[in-house]
N, C-alpha and C. Protein backbone atom coordinates (compact mmCIF):
# COMPACT_ATOMS: atom_id res chain seq x y z
N MET A 1 -23.59 -23.42 84.34
CA MET A 1 -24.52 -24.47 84.62
C MET A 1 -24.00 -25.39 85.74
N ILE A 2 -24.85 -25.65 86.48
CA ILE A 2 -24.42 -26.51 87.69
C ILE A 2 -24.85 -27.87 87.43
N ARG A 3 -24.00 -28.76 87.68
CA ARG A 3 -24.30 -30.17 87.45
C ARG A 3 -24.50 -30.90 88.80
N THR A 4 -25.54 -31.46 88.95
CA THR A 4 -25.81 -32.13 90.23
C THR A 4 -25.70 -33.62 89.92
N VAL A 5 -24.97 -34.31 90.82
CA VAL A 5 -24.81 -35.78 90.60
C VAL A 5 -25.56 -36.44 91.80
N ALA A 6 -26.38 -37.37 91.41
CA ALA A 6 -27.11 -38.14 92.48
C ALA A 6 -26.39 -39.38 92.83
N ALA A 7 -26.69 -39.84 93.94
CA ALA A 7 -26.02 -41.08 94.37
C ALA A 7 -26.54 -42.30 93.49
N PRO A 8 -25.73 -43.30 93.25
CA PRO A 8 -26.06 -44.38 92.38
C PRO A 8 -26.98 -45.42 93.05
N THR A 9 -27.85 -45.09 93.88
CA THR A 9 -28.59 -46.12 94.61
C THR A 9 -29.58 -46.74 93.80
N THR A 10 -30.32 -45.92 92.96
CA THR A 10 -31.44 -46.39 92.26
C THR A 10 -31.25 -46.18 90.74
N PRO A 11 -31.78 -46.94 89.82
CA PRO A 11 -31.57 -46.71 88.45
C PRO A 11 -32.17 -45.31 88.07
N ALA A 12 -33.08 -44.85 88.73
CA ALA A 12 -33.68 -43.55 88.39
C ALA A 12 -32.64 -42.39 88.62
N HIS A 13 -31.67 -42.70 89.45
CA HIS A 13 -30.71 -41.64 89.60
C HIS A 13 -29.67 -41.68 88.49
N ASP A 14 -29.68 -42.69 87.59
CA ASP A 14 -28.71 -42.84 86.48
C ASP A 14 -29.08 -41.83 85.37
N VAL A 15 -30.23 -41.38 85.35
CA VAL A 15 -30.77 -40.59 84.32
C VAL A 15 -30.15 -39.13 84.54
N ILE A 16 -29.69 -38.59 83.46
CA ILE A 16 -29.00 -37.26 83.61
C ILE A 16 -30.14 -36.24 83.63
N PRO A 17 -30.00 -35.36 84.49
CA PRO A 17 -31.11 -34.34 84.56
C PRO A 17 -31.12 -33.51 83.24
N THR A 18 -32.19 -32.92 82.96
CA THR A 18 -32.32 -32.13 81.74
C THR A 18 -31.39 -31.01 81.63
N GLU A 19 -31.06 -30.43 82.62
CA GLU A 19 -30.05 -29.27 82.63
C GLU A 19 -28.70 -29.82 82.27
N ALA A 20 -28.29 -30.84 82.76
CA ALA A 20 -27.03 -31.47 82.39
C ALA A 20 -27.07 -31.98 80.97
N GLY A 21 -28.07 -32.53 80.52
CA GLY A 21 -28.16 -32.99 79.11
C GLY A 21 -28.10 -31.81 78.13
N ASN A 22 -28.56 -30.68 78.51
CA ASN A 22 -28.43 -29.52 77.70
C ASN A 22 -26.90 -29.07 77.63
N SER A 23 -26.22 -29.33 78.71
CA SER A 23 -24.82 -28.91 78.78
C SER A 23 -24.05 -29.84 77.91
N VAL A 24 -24.25 -31.02 77.90
CA VAL A 24 -23.60 -32.07 77.07
C VAL A 24 -23.90 -31.78 75.59
N LYS A 25 -25.14 -31.56 75.34
CA LYS A 25 -25.52 -31.28 73.93
C LYS A 25 -24.83 -30.00 73.50
N PHE A 26 -24.66 -28.99 74.32
CA PHE A 26 -24.01 -27.72 74.04
C PHE A 26 -22.58 -27.97 73.80
N PHE A 27 -21.98 -28.78 74.69
CA PHE A 27 -20.47 -29.10 74.55
C PHE A 27 -20.22 -29.76 73.22
N THR A 28 -21.10 -30.75 72.82
CA THR A 28 -20.97 -31.55 71.65
C THR A 28 -21.06 -30.54 70.45
N GLU A 29 -22.12 -29.78 70.48
CA GLU A 29 -22.31 -28.78 69.37
C GLU A 29 -21.08 -27.86 69.29
N TYR A 30 -20.63 -27.44 70.47
CA TYR A 30 -19.52 -26.49 70.45
C TYR A 30 -18.22 -27.14 69.88
N HIS A 31 -18.10 -28.33 70.37
CA HIS A 31 -16.95 -29.20 69.92
C HIS A 31 -17.04 -29.44 68.39
N ARG A 32 -18.18 -29.71 67.89
CA ARG A 32 -18.30 -29.90 66.46
C ARG A 32 -18.08 -28.65 65.71
N TYR A 33 -18.64 -27.51 66.20
CA TYR A 33 -18.27 -26.15 65.70
C TYR A 33 -16.87 -25.89 65.62
N MET A 34 -16.15 -26.11 66.70
CA MET A 34 -14.72 -25.85 66.79
C MET A 34 -13.92 -26.75 65.80
N THR A 35 -14.40 -28.01 65.72
CA THR A 35 -13.72 -29.00 64.80
C THR A 35 -13.93 -28.48 63.37
N SER A 36 -15.18 -27.91 63.12
CA SER A 36 -15.46 -27.44 61.71
C SER A 36 -14.58 -26.21 61.46
N ARG A 37 -14.45 -25.31 62.41
CA ARG A 37 -13.68 -24.16 62.25
C ARG A 37 -12.16 -24.53 62.03
N GLN A 38 -11.71 -25.54 62.78
CA GLN A 38 -10.32 -26.02 62.68
C GLN A 38 -10.11 -26.55 61.27
N GLN A 39 -11.04 -27.34 60.77
CA GLN A 39 -10.96 -27.88 59.44
C GLN A 39 -10.92 -26.75 58.39
N ASP A 40 -11.81 -25.79 58.56
CA ASP A 40 -11.88 -24.64 57.62
C ASP A 40 -10.57 -23.85 57.73
N LEU A 41 -9.98 -23.69 58.88
CA LEU A 41 -8.66 -23.02 59.03
C LEU A 41 -7.65 -23.78 58.42
N GLN A 42 -7.62 -25.11 58.57
CA GLN A 42 -6.60 -25.98 57.97
C GLN A 42 -6.70 -25.91 56.45
N TRP A 43 -7.89 -25.90 55.92
CA TRP A 43 -8.19 -25.88 54.50
C TRP A 43 -7.64 -24.51 53.95
N MET A 44 -7.96 -23.47 54.67
CA MET A 44 -7.41 -22.13 54.30
C MET A 44 -5.87 -22.12 54.31
N ARG A 45 -5.22 -22.73 55.34
CA ARG A 45 -3.80 -22.76 55.35
C ARG A 45 -3.22 -23.54 54.20
N ASP A 46 -3.87 -24.70 53.93
CA ASP A 46 -3.35 -25.41 52.76
C ASP A 46 -3.47 -24.69 51.49
N LEU A 47 -4.66 -24.09 51.31
CA LEU A 47 -5.01 -23.19 50.14
C LEU A 47 -3.93 -22.14 49.98
N HIS A 48 -3.62 -21.43 51.05
CA HIS A 48 -2.63 -20.38 50.99
C HIS A 48 -1.26 -20.93 50.78
N THR A 49 -0.98 -21.94 51.40
CA THR A 49 0.35 -22.60 51.18
C THR A 49 0.49 -22.98 49.69
N ARG A 50 -0.52 -23.62 49.13
CA ARG A 50 -0.51 -24.04 47.68
C ARG A 50 -0.30 -22.84 46.80
N LYS A 51 -1.13 -21.73 47.08
CA LYS A 51 -1.01 -20.54 46.22
C LYS A 51 0.29 -19.85 46.39
N SER A 52 0.84 -19.85 47.58
CA SER A 52 2.10 -19.27 47.82
C SER A 52 3.18 -19.99 47.09
N ARG A 53 3.10 -21.31 47.13
CA ARG A 53 4.05 -22.13 46.35
C ARG A 53 3.97 -21.87 44.80
N LEU A 54 2.67 -21.83 44.33
CA LEU A 54 2.50 -21.50 42.90
C LEU A 54 2.93 -20.17 42.53
N ARG A 55 2.76 -19.12 43.31
CA ARG A 55 3.22 -17.81 43.04
C ARG A 55 4.73 -17.77 43.07
N LYS A 56 5.33 -18.46 44.08
CA LYS A 56 6.79 -18.45 44.00
C LYS A 56 7.34 -19.09 42.70
N GLU A 57 6.73 -20.18 42.37
CA GLU A 57 7.14 -20.81 41.09
C GLU A 57 6.94 -19.86 39.90
N GLU A 58 5.82 -19.09 39.85
CA GLU A 58 5.62 -18.13 38.83
C GLU A 58 6.57 -17.08 38.86
N VAL A 59 6.86 -16.56 40.01
CA VAL A 59 7.88 -15.54 40.15
C VAL A 59 9.29 -16.05 39.75
N GLN A 60 9.67 -17.30 40.10
CA GLN A 60 10.87 -17.80 39.64
C GLN A 60 10.95 -17.94 38.06
N LEU A 61 9.83 -18.37 37.57
CA LEU A 61 9.67 -18.55 36.06
C LEU A 61 9.78 -17.12 35.41
N CYS A 62 9.13 -16.13 35.93
CA CYS A 62 9.25 -14.77 35.46
C CYS A 62 10.67 -14.27 35.56
N THR A 63 11.29 -14.52 36.65
CA THR A 63 12.70 -14.06 36.85
C THR A 63 13.64 -14.74 35.86
N ARG A 64 13.48 -16.06 35.61
CA ARG A 64 14.29 -16.75 34.66
C ARG A 64 14.04 -16.16 33.26
N SER A 65 12.75 -15.93 32.93
CA SER A 65 12.33 -15.36 31.68
C SER A 65 12.98 -13.99 31.45
N LEU A 66 12.93 -13.13 32.45
CA LEU A 66 13.50 -11.78 32.55
C LEU A 66 15.05 -11.88 32.27
N ASP A 67 15.63 -12.82 33.00
CA ASP A 67 17.11 -12.95 32.80
C ASP A 67 17.43 -13.29 31.36
N GLN A 68 16.67 -14.28 30.88
CA GLN A 68 16.94 -14.78 29.53
C GLN A 68 16.71 -13.64 28.57
N ASP A 69 15.61 -12.84 28.70
CA ASP A 69 15.33 -11.69 27.79
C ASP A 69 16.50 -10.66 27.92
N LYS A 70 16.94 -10.48 29.18
CA LYS A 70 18.05 -9.46 29.36
C LYS A 70 19.23 -9.97 28.60
N GLU A 71 19.63 -11.29 28.70
CA GLU A 71 20.74 -11.75 28.06
C GLU A 71 20.66 -11.57 26.57
N GLU A 72 19.41 -12.01 26.05
CA GLU A 72 19.14 -11.86 24.55
C GLU A 72 19.28 -10.41 24.08
N ARG A 73 18.79 -9.52 24.84
CA ARG A 73 18.85 -8.09 24.40
C ARG A 73 20.23 -7.54 24.45
N ILE A 74 21.01 -8.00 25.52
CA ILE A 74 22.46 -7.54 25.52
C ILE A 74 23.10 -8.02 24.29
N ALA A 75 22.87 -9.31 23.98
CA ALA A 75 23.57 -10.01 22.77
C ALA A 75 23.09 -9.16 21.54
N GLN A 76 21.78 -8.85 21.40
CA GLN A 76 21.27 -8.05 20.27
C GLN A 76 21.95 -6.72 20.19
N ILE A 77 22.06 -5.96 21.23
CA ILE A 77 22.66 -4.68 21.25
C ILE A 77 24.10 -4.83 20.87
N LEU A 78 24.85 -5.81 21.38
CA LEU A 78 26.21 -5.95 20.98
C LEU A 78 26.34 -6.29 19.50
N ARG A 79 25.47 -7.18 19.04
CA ARG A 79 25.50 -7.41 17.53
C ARG A 79 25.15 -6.11 16.71
N LEU A 80 24.22 -5.34 17.15
CA LEU A 80 23.95 -4.15 16.47
C LEU A 80 25.03 -3.14 16.50
N SER A 81 25.67 -3.06 17.71
CA SER A 81 26.82 -2.12 17.75
C SER A 81 27.91 -2.57 16.87
N ASP A 82 28.18 -3.86 16.79
CA ASP A 82 29.29 -4.41 15.88
C ASP A 82 28.83 -4.06 14.40
N ASP A 83 27.60 -4.31 14.06
CA ASP A 83 27.16 -4.15 12.73
C ASP A 83 27.27 -2.61 12.37
N MET A 84 26.79 -1.74 13.30
CA MET A 84 26.90 -0.26 13.06
C MET A 84 28.42 0.13 12.90
N ARG A 85 29.27 -0.45 13.74
CA ARG A 85 30.74 -0.07 13.70
C ARG A 85 31.26 -0.47 12.29
N ARG A 86 30.90 -1.70 11.86
CA ARG A 86 31.42 -2.25 10.51
C ARG A 86 30.87 -1.29 9.49
N ILE A 87 29.56 -1.02 9.44
CA ILE A 87 28.97 -0.22 8.40
C ILE A 87 29.56 1.22 8.40
N THR A 88 29.86 1.82 9.60
CA THR A 88 30.47 3.07 9.66
C THR A 88 31.88 3.08 9.16
N ASP A 89 32.57 2.00 9.52
CA ASP A 89 34.03 1.91 9.06
C ASP A 89 34.03 1.77 7.54
N ARG A 90 33.13 0.95 7.00
CA ARG A 90 33.07 0.76 5.55
C ARG A 90 32.83 2.17 4.84
N LYS A 91 31.82 2.83 5.37
CA LYS A 91 31.52 4.17 4.74
C LYS A 91 32.62 5.13 4.83
N THR A 92 33.24 5.11 6.04
CA THR A 92 34.41 6.16 6.18
C THR A 92 35.58 5.73 5.20
N ASP A 93 35.80 4.44 5.15
CA ASP A 93 36.85 3.97 4.17
C ASP A 93 36.57 4.40 2.78
N THR A 94 35.23 4.22 2.35
CA THR A 94 34.83 4.61 1.03
C THR A 94 35.01 6.07 0.79
N LEU A 95 34.47 6.88 1.80
CA LEU A 95 34.56 8.24 1.63
C LEU A 95 36.02 8.75 1.50
N GLN A 96 36.91 8.10 2.32
CA GLN A 96 38.31 8.58 2.40
C GLN A 96 38.91 8.12 1.07
N SER A 97 38.63 7.00 0.48
CA SER A 97 39.21 6.68 -0.81
C SER A 97 38.72 7.58 -1.91
N GLU A 98 37.39 7.87 -1.87
CA GLU A 98 36.89 8.89 -2.84
C GLU A 98 37.57 10.19 -2.71
N LEU A 99 37.85 10.69 -1.50
CA LEU A 99 38.48 11.91 -1.33
C LEU A 99 39.87 11.91 -1.80
N VAL A 100 40.56 10.86 -1.67
CA VAL A 100 41.90 10.74 -2.21
C VAL A 100 41.91 10.65 -3.74
N GLU A 101 40.96 9.96 -4.28
CA GLU A 101 40.84 9.88 -5.77
C GLU A 101 40.56 11.32 -6.36
N ARG A 102 39.63 12.00 -5.63
CA ARG A 102 39.32 13.31 -6.14
C ARG A 102 40.52 14.29 -6.03
N GLU A 103 41.33 14.14 -4.94
CA GLU A 103 42.52 15.08 -4.86
C GLU A 103 43.46 14.72 -5.95
N VAL A 104 43.64 13.41 -6.26
CA VAL A 104 44.57 13.03 -7.40
C VAL A 104 44.03 13.57 -8.67
N ARG A 105 42.74 13.45 -8.93
CA ARG A 105 42.21 13.96 -10.14
C ARG A 105 42.36 15.47 -10.20
N ALA A 106 42.16 16.17 -9.15
CA ALA A 106 42.20 17.72 -9.15
C ALA A 106 43.72 18.08 -9.41
N ARG A 107 44.62 17.41 -8.81
CA ARG A 107 45.97 17.73 -9.17
C ARG A 107 46.36 17.43 -10.70
N ASN A 108 45.88 16.32 -11.19
CA ASN A 108 46.19 16.00 -12.58
C ASN A 108 45.36 16.97 -13.53
N SER A 109 44.16 17.33 -13.24
CA SER A 109 43.49 18.26 -14.18
C SER A 109 43.99 19.63 -14.04
N ALA A 110 44.57 19.96 -12.90
CA ALA A 110 45.15 21.33 -12.77
C ALA A 110 46.41 21.45 -13.68
N SER A 111 47.21 20.45 -13.84
CA SER A 111 48.38 20.46 -14.58
C SER A 111 48.16 20.39 -16.10
N THR A 112 47.18 19.54 -16.49
CA THR A 112 46.96 19.37 -17.96
C THR A 112 45.42 19.42 -18.14
N MET A 113 45.13 20.31 -19.09
CA MET A 113 43.59 20.39 -19.41
C MET A 113 43.34 19.39 -20.53
N SER A 114 42.29 18.65 -20.27
CA SER A 114 41.93 17.68 -21.41
C SER A 114 41.20 18.42 -22.53
N GLN A 115 41.07 17.69 -23.63
CA GLN A 115 40.47 18.25 -24.79
C GLN A 115 38.93 18.68 -24.49
N LEU A 116 38.31 17.85 -23.65
CA LEU A 116 36.88 18.05 -23.27
C LEU A 116 36.79 19.40 -22.42
N ASP A 117 37.71 19.46 -21.50
CA ASP A 117 37.73 20.79 -20.77
C ASP A 117 37.97 22.06 -21.61
N LYS A 118 38.84 21.89 -22.55
CA LYS A 118 39.09 22.98 -23.51
C LYS A 118 37.84 23.36 -24.29
N LYS A 119 37.08 22.39 -24.74
CA LYS A 119 35.92 22.62 -25.50
C LYS A 119 34.84 23.29 -24.49
N LYS A 120 34.73 22.90 -23.30
CA LYS A 120 33.85 23.53 -22.37
C LYS A 120 34.13 24.95 -22.11
N VAL A 121 35.49 25.30 -21.97
CA VAL A 121 35.91 26.63 -21.75
C VAL A 121 35.59 27.49 -23.00
N GLN A 122 35.91 26.97 -24.24
CA GLN A 122 35.59 27.65 -25.49
C GLN A 122 34.10 27.94 -25.65
N PHE A 123 33.26 26.93 -25.24
CA PHE A 123 31.84 27.11 -25.31
C PHE A 123 31.40 28.22 -24.43
N GLN A 124 32.02 28.26 -23.16
CA GLN A 124 31.65 29.35 -22.30
C GLN A 124 32.05 30.66 -22.80
N LEU A 125 33.28 30.78 -23.42
CA LEU A 125 33.72 31.97 -23.93
C LEU A 125 32.85 32.54 -25.11
N ASP A 126 32.40 31.59 -26.02
CA ASP A 126 31.55 31.90 -27.08
C ASP A 126 30.17 32.45 -26.48
N ARG A 127 29.65 31.82 -25.46
CA ARG A 127 28.39 32.21 -24.91
C ARG A 127 28.52 33.60 -24.40
N LEU A 128 29.67 33.81 -23.56
CA LEU A 128 29.87 35.11 -23.08
C LEU A 128 30.02 36.26 -24.14
N SER A 129 30.70 35.91 -25.25
CA SER A 129 30.72 36.79 -26.32
C SER A 129 29.30 37.20 -26.96
N LYS A 130 28.59 36.15 -27.05
CA LYS A 130 27.14 36.50 -27.62
C LYS A 130 26.42 37.35 -26.58
N GLU A 131 26.57 37.10 -25.32
CA GLU A 131 25.89 37.83 -24.26
C GLU A 131 26.37 39.36 -24.34
N MET A 132 27.69 39.53 -24.57
CA MET A 132 28.21 40.89 -24.64
C MET A 132 27.69 41.56 -25.87
N ASP A 133 27.57 40.88 -27.01
CA ASP A 133 27.03 41.51 -28.20
C ASP A 133 25.61 41.97 -27.91
N ALA A 134 24.80 41.06 -27.27
CA ALA A 134 23.45 41.36 -27.00
C ALA A 134 23.34 42.56 -26.05
N MET A 135 24.20 42.63 -25.15
CA MET A 135 24.22 43.76 -24.15
C MET A 135 24.67 44.98 -24.89
N TRP A 136 25.55 44.98 -25.82
CA TRP A 136 25.93 46.18 -26.61
C TRP A 136 24.76 46.68 -27.42
N GLY A 137 24.00 45.74 -28.01
CA GLY A 137 22.87 46.06 -28.75
C GLY A 137 21.83 46.73 -27.89
N SER A 138 21.65 46.27 -26.69
CA SER A 138 20.67 46.85 -25.74
C SER A 138 21.04 48.26 -25.27
N PHE A 139 22.38 48.38 -25.09
CA PHE A 139 22.90 49.70 -24.69
C PHE A 139 22.62 50.68 -25.89
N CYS A 140 22.80 50.28 -27.10
CA CYS A 140 22.58 51.20 -28.21
C CYS A 140 21.11 51.58 -28.32
N MET A 141 20.25 50.59 -28.04
CA MET A 141 18.82 50.92 -28.08
C MET A 141 18.40 51.91 -26.99
N VAL A 142 19.07 51.73 -25.81
CA VAL A 142 18.90 52.66 -24.65
C VAL A 142 19.30 54.06 -25.04
N ALA A 143 20.47 54.07 -25.67
CA ALA A 143 21.11 55.39 -26.03
C ALA A 143 20.20 56.11 -27.02
N ASP A 144 19.70 55.32 -27.98
CA ASP A 144 18.79 55.92 -29.04
C ASP A 144 17.51 56.39 -28.34
N ALA A 145 16.95 55.64 -27.44
CA ALA A 145 15.79 55.94 -26.75
C ALA A 145 15.92 57.18 -25.95
N MET A 146 17.12 57.37 -25.28
CA MET A 146 17.42 58.55 -24.50
C MET A 146 17.53 59.82 -25.36
N GLN A 147 18.15 59.55 -26.49
CA GLN A 147 18.30 60.61 -27.49
C GLN A 147 16.91 61.22 -27.88
N LYS A 148 16.00 60.22 -28.25
CA LYS A 148 14.71 60.66 -28.64
C LYS A 148 13.94 61.41 -27.52
N MET A 149 14.15 60.84 -26.28
CA MET A 149 13.51 61.50 -25.22
C MET A 149 14.02 62.79 -24.96
N ALA A 150 15.29 63.00 -25.14
CA ALA A 150 15.89 64.31 -24.92
C ALA A 150 15.37 65.33 -25.98
N VAL A 151 15.17 64.87 -27.15
CA VAL A 151 14.74 65.75 -28.27
C VAL A 151 13.29 66.13 -27.81
N ASN A 152 12.49 65.22 -27.38
CA ASN A 152 11.15 65.56 -27.10
C ASN A 152 10.92 66.38 -25.87
N LEU A 153 11.83 66.33 -24.94
CA LEU A 153 11.70 67.02 -23.68
C LEU A 153 11.96 68.54 -23.84
N ASN A 154 13.17 68.82 -24.25
CA ASN A 154 13.58 70.21 -24.30
C ASN A 154 14.34 70.57 -25.65
N ALA A 155 14.24 71.64 -25.93
CA ALA A 155 14.98 72.14 -27.17
C ALA A 155 16.17 72.93 -26.61
N GLY A 156 17.10 73.05 -27.44
CA GLY A 156 18.13 73.96 -27.00
C GLY A 156 19.35 73.23 -26.40
N MET A 157 19.69 73.78 -25.18
CA MET A 157 20.87 73.41 -24.39
C MET A 157 20.73 71.92 -24.00
N GLU A 158 19.61 71.53 -23.46
CA GLU A 158 19.44 70.14 -22.96
C GLU A 158 19.55 69.13 -24.01
N LYS A 159 19.13 69.50 -25.24
CA LYS A 159 19.30 68.65 -26.39
C LYS A 159 20.79 68.32 -26.68
N GLN A 160 21.62 69.35 -26.68
CA GLN A 160 22.96 69.24 -26.94
C GLN A 160 23.65 68.38 -25.93
N VAL A 161 23.31 68.58 -24.62
CA VAL A 161 24.04 67.78 -23.49
C VAL A 161 23.57 66.32 -23.59
N VAL A 162 22.44 66.06 -23.77
CA VAL A 162 21.91 64.67 -23.90
C VAL A 162 22.57 63.94 -25.06
N ALA A 163 22.56 64.61 -26.19
CA ALA A 163 23.07 64.14 -27.47
C ALA A 163 24.50 63.78 -27.24
N SER A 164 25.25 64.65 -26.65
CA SER A 164 26.72 64.38 -26.48
C SER A 164 26.88 63.23 -25.47
N MET A 165 26.05 63.13 -24.51
CA MET A 165 26.12 62.00 -23.54
C MET A 165 25.86 60.71 -24.27
N THR A 166 24.86 60.54 -25.10
CA THR A 166 24.55 59.36 -25.71
C THR A 166 25.58 58.94 -26.83
N VAL A 167 26.09 59.92 -27.45
CA VAL A 167 27.17 59.66 -28.53
C VAL A 167 28.39 59.17 -27.72
N SER A 168 28.80 59.84 -26.58
CA SER A 168 29.88 59.33 -25.85
C SER A 168 29.67 57.96 -25.34
N ALA A 169 28.45 57.76 -24.88
CA ALA A 169 28.14 56.34 -24.37
C ALA A 169 28.37 55.36 -25.46
N LYS A 170 27.89 55.67 -26.67
CA LYS A 170 28.02 54.72 -27.80
C LYS A 170 29.55 54.56 -28.07
N LYS A 171 30.19 55.62 -28.11
CA LYS A 171 31.73 55.47 -28.35
C LYS A 171 32.40 54.59 -27.29
N GLU A 172 32.00 54.73 -26.06
CA GLU A 172 32.61 53.92 -25.01
C GLU A 172 32.29 52.48 -25.20
N ILE A 173 31.11 52.20 -25.56
CA ILE A 173 30.69 50.75 -25.78
C ILE A 173 31.50 50.19 -26.92
N GLU A 174 31.61 50.98 -28.07
CA GLU A 174 32.32 50.55 -29.17
C GLU A 174 33.83 50.28 -28.85
N GLU A 175 34.42 51.13 -28.05
CA GLU A 175 35.72 50.88 -27.64
C GLU A 175 35.92 49.64 -26.88
N ILE A 176 34.97 49.36 -26.04
CA ILE A 176 35.06 48.05 -25.24
C ILE A 176 34.89 46.88 -26.10
N MET A 177 34.05 46.93 -27.00
CA MET A 177 33.90 45.81 -27.95
C MET A 177 35.09 45.53 -28.81
N ASP A 178 35.74 46.67 -29.29
CA ASP A 178 36.98 46.56 -30.01
C ASP A 178 38.11 45.93 -29.29
N ARG A 179 38.22 46.39 -27.97
CA ARG A 179 39.20 45.85 -27.14
C ARG A 179 39.00 44.30 -26.91
N ARG A 180 37.76 43.78 -26.83
CA ARG A 180 37.41 42.46 -26.61
C ARG A 180 37.75 41.66 -27.89
N ALA A 181 37.48 42.27 -28.97
CA ALA A 181 37.72 41.52 -30.33
C ALA A 181 39.20 41.32 -30.47
N GLU A 182 39.95 42.32 -30.06
CA GLU A 182 41.41 42.24 -30.26
C GLU A 182 42.05 41.19 -29.42
N SER A 183 41.45 40.91 -28.19
CA SER A 183 41.99 39.92 -27.26
C SER A 183 41.36 38.61 -27.63
């Protein structure tokens, strides 16, 4: 836009031409717009500065909190380790003392049998004796059954072989029982 300036000879020349008035109005509008943008930018800068400061404070707070948690956890782990070590030491000491006591008892019981142990052994011997008698009775029943089976199966030679086998089996069982009774 071209601005024309008239000579100040008459008051009519003091009036700004319309073209120039539009330029001033445009400049004022543009200046107001730029001032508004500058204020907006300054507000944004202040906002970001404030937010950055708050975030840094929050990060520092989190860092302090993490450091404190880290120290607490390390202390907890150390306490737990000490507790576990003490418990383990106590258990090993207890087990070791029980083993020593058991070894001492084993040595003492090996050298002298107590009255209770003798009764236990006698009870076991009596039970074995009863079981042997029951087994002898069972063998006799089996021998008798085999003899009857042999009689029913064949006559003649087979009868004699089976009968002699069952009689010899009975004799062997009786001999074993006699030996046991003697001892």
